[in-house]
Every structure is written in C-alpha cells, then in structure tokens.
N, C-alpha and C. Protein backbone atom coordinates (compact mmCIF):
# COMPACT_ATOMS: atom_id res chain seq x y z
N MET A 1 -18.39 28.81 17.12
CA MET A 1 -18.79 28.13 18.46
C MET A 1 -17.94 26.98 18.78
N LEU A 2 -17.72 26.26 17.07
CA LEU A 2 -16.70 24.81 17.32
C LEU A 2 -15.10 25.53 17.59
N GLU A 3 -15.03 26.45 16.89
CA GLU A 3 -14.01 27.05 17.26
C GLU A 3 -13.35 27.17 18.70
N GLU A 4 -13.99 27.52 19.55
CA GLU A 4 -14.28 27.88 20.72
C GLU A 4 -13.92 26.74 21.65
N ARG A 5 -14.80 25.88 21.07
CA ARG A 5 -14.67 24.29 21.89
C ARG A 5 -13.62 23.45 21.13
N PHE A 6 -13.24 23.55 20.07
CA PHE A 6 -12.26 22.11 19.51
C PHE A 6 -10.65 23.25 18.89
N GLY A 7 -10.89 24.35 18.65
CA GLY A 7 -10.02 24.76 18.34
C GLY A 7 -9.54 25.09 16.74
N ARG A 8 -8.64 25.83 16.22
CA ARG A 8 -9.13 26.48 14.68
C ARG A 8 -8.45 25.22 14.09
N LEU A 9 -8.98 24.70 13.10
CA LEU A 9 -8.40 23.90 12.45
C LEU A 9 -7.90 24.21 11.20
N PRO A 10 -6.84 23.55 10.41
CA PRO A 10 -6.63 23.99 9.02
C PRO A 10 -7.29 24.13 7.92
N ALA A 11 -7.05 24.85 6.94
CA ALA A 11 -8.27 25.07 6.30
C ALA A 11 -8.86 23.87 5.59
N GLY A 12 -9.88 23.40 4.89
CA GLY A 12 -10.02 22.44 4.16
C GLY A 12 -10.40 21.27 4.86
N GLN A 13 -10.00 21.52 6.60
CA GLN A 13 -9.42 20.33 7.57
C GLN A 13 -10.66 20.13 8.17
N LEU A 14 -12.18 20.07 8.48
CA LEU A 14 -13.01 20.09 9.53
C LEU A 14 -13.46 18.49 9.45
N THR A 15 -13.86 18.35 10.75
CA THR A 15 -14.16 16.99 11.38
C THR A 15 -15.15 17.25 12.51
N VAL A 16 -16.27 16.47 11.52
CA VAL A 16 -17.54 16.36 12.37
C VAL A 16 -17.78 15.40 12.78
N THR A 17 -18.04 15.13 14.22
CA THR A 17 -18.84 14.04 15.04
C THR A 17 -19.83 14.15 15.45
N TYR A 18 -20.66 13.23 15.23
CA TYR A 18 -22.07 13.49 15.90
C TYR A 18 -23.14 11.92 16.55
N HIS A 19 -23.81 12.13 16.93
CA HIS A 19 -24.69 10.95 17.68
C HIS A 19 -25.67 10.49 16.97
N GLU A 20 -25.64 9.07 16.32
CA GLU A 20 -26.78 9.48 15.20
C GLU A 20 -27.88 8.21 16.74
N THR A 21 -29.28 8.64 15.78
CA THR A 21 -29.70 7.81 16.75
C THR A 21 -29.87 5.97 16.34
N ARG A 22 -30.65 5.69 17.24
CA ARG A 22 -30.50 3.63 16.78
C ARG A 22 -31.24 3.77 15.81
N GLU A 23 -32.43 4.45 15.63
CA GLU A 23 -33.18 4.27 14.10
C GLU A 23 -32.05 4.58 12.63
N ALA A 24 -31.71 5.34 12.98
CA ALA A 24 -31.10 5.95 11.89
C ALA A 24 -29.99 4.89 11.35
N ARG A 25 -28.98 4.28 12.84
CA ARG A 25 -28.23 3.24 12.48
C ARG A 25 -28.61 2.06 11.82
N LEU A 26 -29.84 1.82 12.17
CA LEU A 26 -30.84 0.59 11.97
C LEU A 26 -31.03 0.74 10.37
N MET A 27 -31.36 2.03 10.14
CA MET A 27 -31.51 1.87 8.27
C MET A 27 -30.68 2.55 7.49
N ALA A 28 -30.11 2.48 6.11
CA ALA A 28 -28.85 2.65 5.28
C ALA A 28 -30.18 3.59 4.65
N LYS A 29 -29.72 4.88 4.13
CA LYS A 29 -29.93 5.83 3.15
C LYS A 29 -30.74 4.92 2.40
N GLY A 30 -32.01 5.62 2.01
CA GLY A 30 -32.82 4.59 0.99
C GLY A 30 -33.42 3.63 1.66
N ASP A 31 -33.42 3.19 2.37
CA ASP A 31 -34.32 1.93 3.08
C ASP A 31 -35.63 2.27 3.46
N VAL A 32 -36.55 1.72 2.93
CA VAL A 32 -38.44 2.13 3.23
C VAL A 32 -38.66 1.25 4.19
N GLU A 33 -39.19 1.66 5.33
CA GLU A 33 -39.81 1.44 6.44
C GLU A 33 -41.33 1.37 6.68
N THR A 34 -42.07 0.24 6.90
CA THR A 34 -43.17 0.03 6.79
C THR A 34 -43.71 0.02 8.69
N TYR A 35 -44.44 1.33 9.13
CA TYR A 35 -44.86 1.44 10.21
C TYR A 35 -46.21 1.42 10.56
N HIS A 36 -46.48 1.47 11.90
CA HIS A 36 -47.92 1.89 12.44
C HIS A 36 -47.70 2.80 13.19
N GLN A 37 -49.04 3.86 12.58
CA GLN A 37 -48.84 5.51 13.62
C GLN A 37 -50.35 5.70 13.55
N ASP A 38 -50.89 6.45 14.70
CA ASP A 38 -52.25 6.98 14.56
C ASP A 38 -53.66 6.04 14.05
N GLY A 39 -53.38 4.70 14.16
CA GLY A 39 -54.48 3.99 13.91
C GLY A 39 -54.10 3.41 12.07
N GLN A 40 -52.96 4.22 11.64
CA GLN A 40 -52.79 3.88 10.12
C GLN A 40 -51.41 2.89 9.97
N TRP A 41 -51.29 2.27 8.56
CA TRP A 41 -49.72 1.72 8.50
C TRP A 41 -49.52 2.72 7.42
N LYS A 42 -48.02 3.03 7.61
CA LYS A 42 -47.44 4.13 6.63
C LYS A 42 -45.87 3.57 6.12
N ASN A 43 -45.56 3.67 5.13
CA ASN A 43 -44.27 3.85 4.65
C ASN A 43 -43.54 5.15 4.29
N ARG A 44 -42.25 4.78 4.76
CA ARG A 44 -41.55 6.19 4.54
C ARG A 44 -40.03 5.61 4.24
N PRO A 45 -39.49 6.09 3.21
CA PRO A 45 -38.35 6.38 2.96
C PRO A 45 -37.14 6.92 3.85
N GLU A 46 -36.13 6.35 4.23
CA GLU A 46 -35.32 6.64 4.93
C GLU A 46 -34.53 8.37 4.60
N GLY A 47 -34.81 8.96 5.75
CA GLY A 47 -34.33 10.26 5.38
C GLY A 47 -35.67 11.58 5.39
N ASN A 48 -36.85 10.81 4.79
CA ASN A 48 -38.22 11.32 4.88
C ASN A 48 -39.04 11.55 6.33
N GLN A 49 -39.16 12.88 6.47
CA GLN A 49 -39.86 13.52 7.75
C GLN A 49 -41.62 12.51 7.73
N ARG A 50 -41.97 12.63 6.84
CA ARG A 50 -43.24 12.21 6.64
C ARG A 50 -43.70 11.09 5.90
N ALA A 51 -44.42 10.12 5.92
CA ALA A 51 -44.46 9.48 5.39
C ALA A 51 -44.82 9.26 3.71
N SER A 52 -44.96 8.51 3.34
CA SER A 52 -45.08 8.44 1.22
C SER A 52 -46.07 7.96 0.97
N SER A 53 -46.81 6.75 1.85
CA SER A 53 -47.65 6.38 1.45
C SER A 53 -48.69 6.07 2.81
N VAL A 54 -49.61 6.13 2.80
CA VAL A 54 -50.72 5.52 4.30
C VAL A 54 -52.18 4.77 3.79
N HIS A 55 -52.26 3.77 4.37
CA HIS A 55 -52.96 2.67 3.92
C HIS A 55 -53.73 2.03 5.43
N ASP A 56 -54.79 1.55 5.17
CA ASP A 56 -55.65 0.94 6.15
C ASP A 56 -55.32 -0.49 7.10
N THR A 57 -54.81 -1.40 6.31
CA THR A 57 -54.31 -2.42 6.71
C THR A 57 -52.90 -2.86 6.45
N LYS A 58 -52.38 -3.49 7.32
CA LYS A 58 -50.49 -3.76 7.16
C LYS A 58 -50.28 -4.47 5.94
N ALA A 59 -50.78 -5.31 5.49
CA ALA A 59 -50.69 -5.97 4.03
C ALA A 59 -50.53 -4.80 2.98
N GLU A 60 -51.33 -3.98 3.02
CA GLU A 60 -51.36 -3.10 2.12
C GLU A 60 -50.08 -2.29 2.16
N ALA A 61 -50.04 -1.92 3.35
CA ALA A 61 -48.35 -1.08 3.31
C ALA A 61 -47.38 -1.87 2.76
N GLU A 62 -47.31 -3.01 3.56
CA GLU A 62 -45.80 -3.88 3.12
C GLU A 62 -46.18 -4.24 1.73
N ALA A 63 -47.39 -4.29 1.10
CA ALA A 63 -46.77 -4.29 -0.77
C ALA A 63 -46.42 -3.25 -1.25
N GLU A 64 -46.94 -1.98 -0.65
CA GLU A 64 -46.44 -1.04 -1.40
C GLU A 64 -44.79 -0.26 -0.70
N GLY A 65 -44.79 -0.82 0.24
CA GLY A 65 -43.35 -0.62 0.83
C GLY A 65 -42.22 -1.41 -0.23
N ARG A 66 -42.85 -2.68 -0.13
CA ARG A 66 -41.70 -3.71 -1.16
C ARG A 66 -41.67 -2.98 -2.47
N GLU A 67 -42.60 -2.75 -3.05
CA GLU A 67 -42.76 -2.29 -4.27
C GLU A 67 -41.53 -0.94 -4.37
N MET A 68 -41.74 0.00 -3.53
CA MET A 68 -40.73 1.41 -3.32
C MET A 68 -39.65 0.73 -3.09
N ALA A 69 -39.19 -0.27 -2.05
CA ALA A 69 -37.61 -1.30 -1.56
C ALA A 69 -36.98 -1.49 -3.03
N VAL A 70 -38.23 -2.68 -3.73
CA VAL A 70 -37.32 -3.08 -5.28
C VAL A 70 -37.04 -1.79 -6.28
N LYS A 71 -37.63 -0.65 -6.37
CA LYS A 71 -37.69 0.17 -7.33
C LYS A 71 -35.93 0.87 -6.52
N ARG A 72 -35.91 1.07 -5.65
CA ARG A 72 -34.78 1.68 -4.52
C ARG A 72 -33.66 1.03 -4.86
N ASP A 73 -33.67 -0.55 -5.09
CA ASP A 73 -32.66 -1.56 -4.49
C ASP A 73 -32.38 -1.25 -3.14
N ALA A 74 -33.29 -1.45 -2.38
CA ALA A 74 -32.98 -1.04 -0.92
C ALA A 74 -33.56 -2.24 -0.14
N GLU A 75 -33.85 -2.03 1.31
CA GLU A 75 -33.89 -2.92 1.99
C GLU A 75 -35.33 -2.55 2.90
N HIS A 76 -36.24 -3.58 2.76
CA HIS A 76 -37.36 -3.12 3.56
C HIS A 76 -37.88 -3.64 4.91
N VAL A 77 -37.92 -1.95 5.87
CA VAL A 77 -37.73 -2.70 7.30
C VAL A 77 -39.30 -2.58 7.62
N ILE A 78 -39.91 -3.73 8.09
CA ILE A 78 -41.35 -3.92 8.75
C ILE A 78 -41.78 -4.05 9.84
N LYS A 79 -42.03 -2.99 10.20
CA LYS A 79 -42.48 -3.12 12.22
C LYS A 79 -43.63 -3.60 12.59
N LYS A 80 -43.61 -4.37 13.55
CA LYS A 80 -44.98 -4.79 14.21
C LYS A 80 -45.61 -3.11 15.04
N GLN A 81 -46.93 -3.67 15.17
CA GLN A 81 -47.71 -2.35 15.93
C GLN A 81 -46.72 -2.01 16.75
N ASP A 82 -46.04 -2.44 17.74
CA ASP A 82 -45.60 -1.89 18.56
C ASP A 82 -44.36 -1.28 18.35
N GLY A 83 -43.67 -1.03 16.91
CA GLY A 83 -42.85 -0.41 17.19
C GLY A 83 -41.65 -1.44 16.50
N THR A 84 -41.39 -2.52 17.20
CA THR A 84 -40.17 -3.68 17.18
C THR A 84 -39.94 -3.67 15.84
N ILE A 85 -38.88 -4.27 15.44
CA ILE A 85 -39.07 -4.89 14.17
C ILE A 85 -39.29 -6.10 13.66
N GLY A 86 -39.79 -6.55 13.08
CA GLY A 86 -40.57 -7.75 12.43
C GLY A 86 -39.73 -8.73 11.59
N GLU A 87 -39.28 -7.70 10.77
CA GLU A 87 -39.09 -8.36 9.41
C GLU A 87 -38.17 -7.07 8.48
N LYS A 88 -37.05 -7.86 7.83
CA LYS A 88 -36.37 -7.32 6.91
C LYS A 88 -35.95 -8.18 5.56
N ASN A 89 -36.29 -7.33 4.62
CA ASN A 89 -36.28 -8.19 3.08
C ASN A 89 -35.05 -6.55 2.39
N THR A 90 -34.06 -7.52 1.76
CA THR A 90 -33.24 -6.79 0.90
C THR A 90 -33.12 -7.36 -0.65
N TYR A 91 -33.80 -6.04 -1.29
CA TYR A 91 -33.98 -6.40 -2.85
C TYR A 91 -32.66 -5.36 -3.41
N PRO A 92 -32.39 -5.81 -4.34
CA PRO A 92 -32.74 -7.39 -4.84
C PRO A 92 -31.58 -8.23 -3.91
N ARG A 93 -32.19 -9.49 -3.92
CA ARG A 93 -31.78 -10.77 -3.03
C ARG A 93 -30.51 -10.51 -2.68
N SER A 94 -29.44 -10.48 -3.93
CA SER A 94 -28.21 -10.45 -4.50
C SER A 94 -27.46 -9.70 -3.09
N ARG A 95 -28.14 -8.33 -2.82
CA ARG A 95 -27.39 -7.51 -2.29
C ARG A 95 -27.57 -7.84 -0.54
N ASP A 96 -28.53 -9.13 -0.34
CA ASP A 96 -28.45 -9.73 1.06
C ASP A 96 -27.23 -9.95 1.53
N PRO A 97 -26.40 -9.24 2.40
CA PRO A 97 -25.23 -9.95 3.10
C PRO A 97 -25.17 -10.98 4.04
N ARG A 98 -26.78 -11.50 4.56
CA ARG A 98 -26.58 -12.57 5.15
C ARG A 98 -26.52 -14.04 4.32
N GLU A 99 -26.06 -15.07 4.41
CA GLU A 99 -25.86 -16.46 3.73
C GLU A 99 -27.06 -17.78 4.21
N ILE A 100 -28.05 -17.04 4.65
CA ILE A 100 -29.40 -17.79 5.41
C ILE A 100 -30.30 -17.77 3.90
N PRO A 101 -30.87 -18.69 3.93
CA PRO A 101 -32.46 -18.67 3.40
C PRO A 101 -33.42 -18.15 3.99
N GLY A 102 -34.21 -17.43 3.06
CA GLY A 102 -35.47 -16.60 3.76
C GLY A 102 -35.61 -15.15 3.49
C-alpha cells in the first residue's frame, strides 16, 4: 500500500510521517497526567491506554501522580475538571526548561 502511494524506497530507507494528536504533542514519553473522568480523578503515564490509579479526590490523585512523576523523572500534567491543563510540574526541578520560579 505504501509503495503504491509513495513509490519504492531503497532497502533500509523507510520514512514514515504521521500526524500526532494535540495530547501526544503536549506530553513527552513517560510524563504523568492527572485528569477527571466518570466522576473520578485518575493518573495515567503517557502512552498508557488506561489509568494506573483511581481516586475520589483531586488532591489524592495529585499526590499519587506527583510520586509517579518523581520516580520517572518526568513532567506531571495536572488537568482541571473540564480537561484543560491547570498545572505542569517537572521532576527533578533541574530538568525544568523554564527559568522562572514556581
């Protein structure tokens, strides 16, 4: 199918281009997302289809998500109940690309 559309490439030279979703571009591999779904707060490492932990409160989910991000040396993306990003925290702090306090 690819050959029909793009022609034959020399052996070992396959180039694949695809469009990422907005979510995938916002989160790097291994980042942890805290989000609200079906009346519960959940944590999901980037790349996982399902939540790794489920909580009754946002505070509980944030605490667990923070621990997961610290263990992974990753960014913790905390979403508001409406799904928009409310906060991002990078662990360890030395990896934070921004040079602003907070």
